[in-house]
Amino acid sequence: MGATAAVLPLKAAPERRAPSLAQLPPDQPLRVLRSWHSPAGERWLQVEAKLPAAAETRRGWVAA
């Protein structure tokens, strides 16, 4: 059996406790809009993703 890739949470803000806007599959194409480093040293990417189920584009943050 192969390892299962985890989903990637698309967050409302660049912080771990921010609410998730969507769960992105591991093969989801993303458009990176900008990069940000938190005061705690974490790197976050603001991305745009086209959600296939909703046929819409969403922006949010993912931990890099």
C-alpha atoms as a PDB file:
ATOM      1  CA  MET A   1       0.000   0.000   0.000  1.00  0.00           C
ATOM      2  CA  GLY A   2       1.229   3.526  -0.818  1.00  0.00           C
ATOM      3  CA  ALA A   3       1.130   6.493   1.488  1.00  0.00           C
ATOM      4  CA  THR A   4      -1.922   8.703   1.224  1.00  0.00           C
ATOM      5  CA  ALA A   5      -1.228  12.390   0.605  1.00  0.00           C
ATOM      6  CA  ALA A   6      -2.920  14.723   3.042  1.00  0.00           C
ATOM      7  CA  VAL A   7      -5.238  17.540   2.048  1.00  0.00           C
ATOM      8  CA  LEU A   8      -3.957  21.098   2.305  1.00  0.00           C
ATOM      9  CA  PRO A   9      -6.078  23.514   4.356  1.00  0.00           C
ATOM     10  CA  LEU A  10      -6.710  26.875   2.683  1.00  0.00           C
ATOM     11  CA  LYS A  11      -6.756  29.320   5.607  1.00  0.00           C
ATOM     12  CA  ALA A  12      -8.548  32.650   5.975  1.00  0.00           C
ATOM     13  CA  ALA A  13      -5.428  34.269   7.480  1.00  0.00           C
ATOM     14  CA  PRO A  14      -1.724  33.413   7.771  1.00  0.00           C
ATOM     15  CA  GLU A  15      -1.922  31.745  11.168  1.00  0.00           C
ATOM     16  CA  ARG A  16      -2.409  28.138  12.281  1.00  0.00           C
ATOM     17  CA  ARG A  17      -5.584  28.839  14.277  1.00  0.00           C
ATOM     18  CA  ALA A  18      -7.310  30.728  11.428  1.00  0.00           C
ATOM     19  CA  PRO A  19     -10.470  29.087  10.076  1.00  0.00           C
ATOM     20  CA  SER A  20     -10.136  26.878   7.012  1.00  0.00           C
ATOM     21  CA  LEU A  21     -11.929  28.094   3.898  1.00  0.00           C
ATOM     22  CA  ALA A  22     -11.496  24.825   2.006  1.00  0.00           C
ATOM     23  CA  GLN A  23      -9.550  21.568   1.965  1.00  0.00           C
ATOM     24  CA  LEU A  24      -7.410  21.392  -1.161  1.00  0.00           C
ATOM     25  CA  PRO A  25      -6.399  18.053  -2.678  1.00  0.00           C
ATOM     26  CA  PRO A  26      -2.637  17.487  -2.985  1.00  0.00           C
ATOM     27  CA  ASP A  27      -2.747  17.793  -6.804  1.00  0.00           C
ATOM     28  CA  GLN A  28      -4.664  21.113  -6.746  1.00  0.00           C
ATOM     29  CA  PRO A  29      -2.976  23.735  -8.978  1.00  0.00           C
ATOM     30  CA  LEU A  30      -2.313  26.970  -7.073  1.00  0.00           C
ATOM     31  CA  ARG A  31      -1.357  30.448  -8.185  1.00  0.00           C
ATOM     32  CA  VAL A  32       1.014  32.047  -5.652  1.00  0.00           C
ATOM     33  CA  LEU A  33       0.183  35.711  -5.057  1.00  0.00           C
ATOM     34  CA  ARG A  34       2.729  36.538  -2.346  1.00  0.00           C
ATOM     35  CA  SER A  35       4.891  35.153   0.419  1.00  0.00           C
ATOM     36  CA  TRP A  36       4.915  36.227   4.072  1.00  0.00           C
ATOM     37  CA  HIS A  37       7.013  35.330   7.122  1.00  0.00           C
ATOM     38  CA  SER A  38       5.269  35.427  10.494  1.00  0.00           C
ATOM     39  CA  PRO A  39       6.958  36.831  13.609  1.00  0.00           C
ATOM     40  CA  ALA A  40       7.212  33.196  14.790  1.00  0.00           C
ATOM     41  CA  GLY A  41       9.352  32.391  11.715  1.00  0.00           C
ATOM     42  CA  GLU A  42       6.706  30.485   9.748  1.00  0.00           C
ATOM     43  CA  ARG A  43       6.467  31.024   5.996  1.00  0.00           C
ATOM     44  CA  TRP A  44       2.999  31.440   4.473  1.00  0.00           C
ATOM     45  CA  LEU A  45       1.881  31.751   0.860  1.00  0.00           C
ATOM     46  CA  GLN A  46      -1.201  33.647  -0.231  1.00  0.00           C
ATOM     47  CA  VAL A  47      -2.626  31.607  -3.084  1.00  0.00           C
ATOM     48  CA  GLU A  48      -5.509  31.497  -5.489  1.00  0.00           C
ATOM     49  CA  ALA A  49      -7.140  28.156  -6.251  1.00  0.00           C
ATOM     50  CA  LYS A  50      -9.924  27.221  -8.615  1.00  0.00           C
ATOM     51  CA  LEU A  51     -12.187  24.922  -6.641  1.00  0.00           C
ATOM     52  CA  PRO A  52     -13.548  22.249  -8.988  1.00  0.00           C
ATOM     53  CA  ALA A  53     -16.610  21.366  -6.906  1.00  0.00           C
ATOM     54  CA  ALA A  54     -17.800  24.976  -6.675  1.00  0.00           C
ATOM     55  CA  ALA A  55     -16.471  26.136 -10.069  1.00  0.00           C
ATOM     56  CA  GLU A  56     -15.155  29.272  -8.386  1.00  0.00           C
ATOM     57  CA  THR A  57     -11.806  30.832  -7.576  1.00  0.00           C
ATOM     58  CA  ARG A  58     -10.828  31.311  -3.935  1.00  0.00           C
ATOM     59  CA  ARG A  59      -7.969  33.137  -2.276  1.00  0.00           C
ATOM     60  CA  GLY A  60      -6.437  32.104   1.013  1.00  0.00           C
ATOM     61  CA  TRP A  61      -3.257  31.191   2.845  1.00  0.00           C
ATOM     62  CA  VAL A  62      -1.277  27.949   3.043  1.00  0.00           C
ATOM     63  CA  ALA A  63       1.685  27.136   5.269  1.00  0.00           C
ATOM     64  CA  ALA A  64       4.821  26.641   3.206  1.00  0.00           C
END
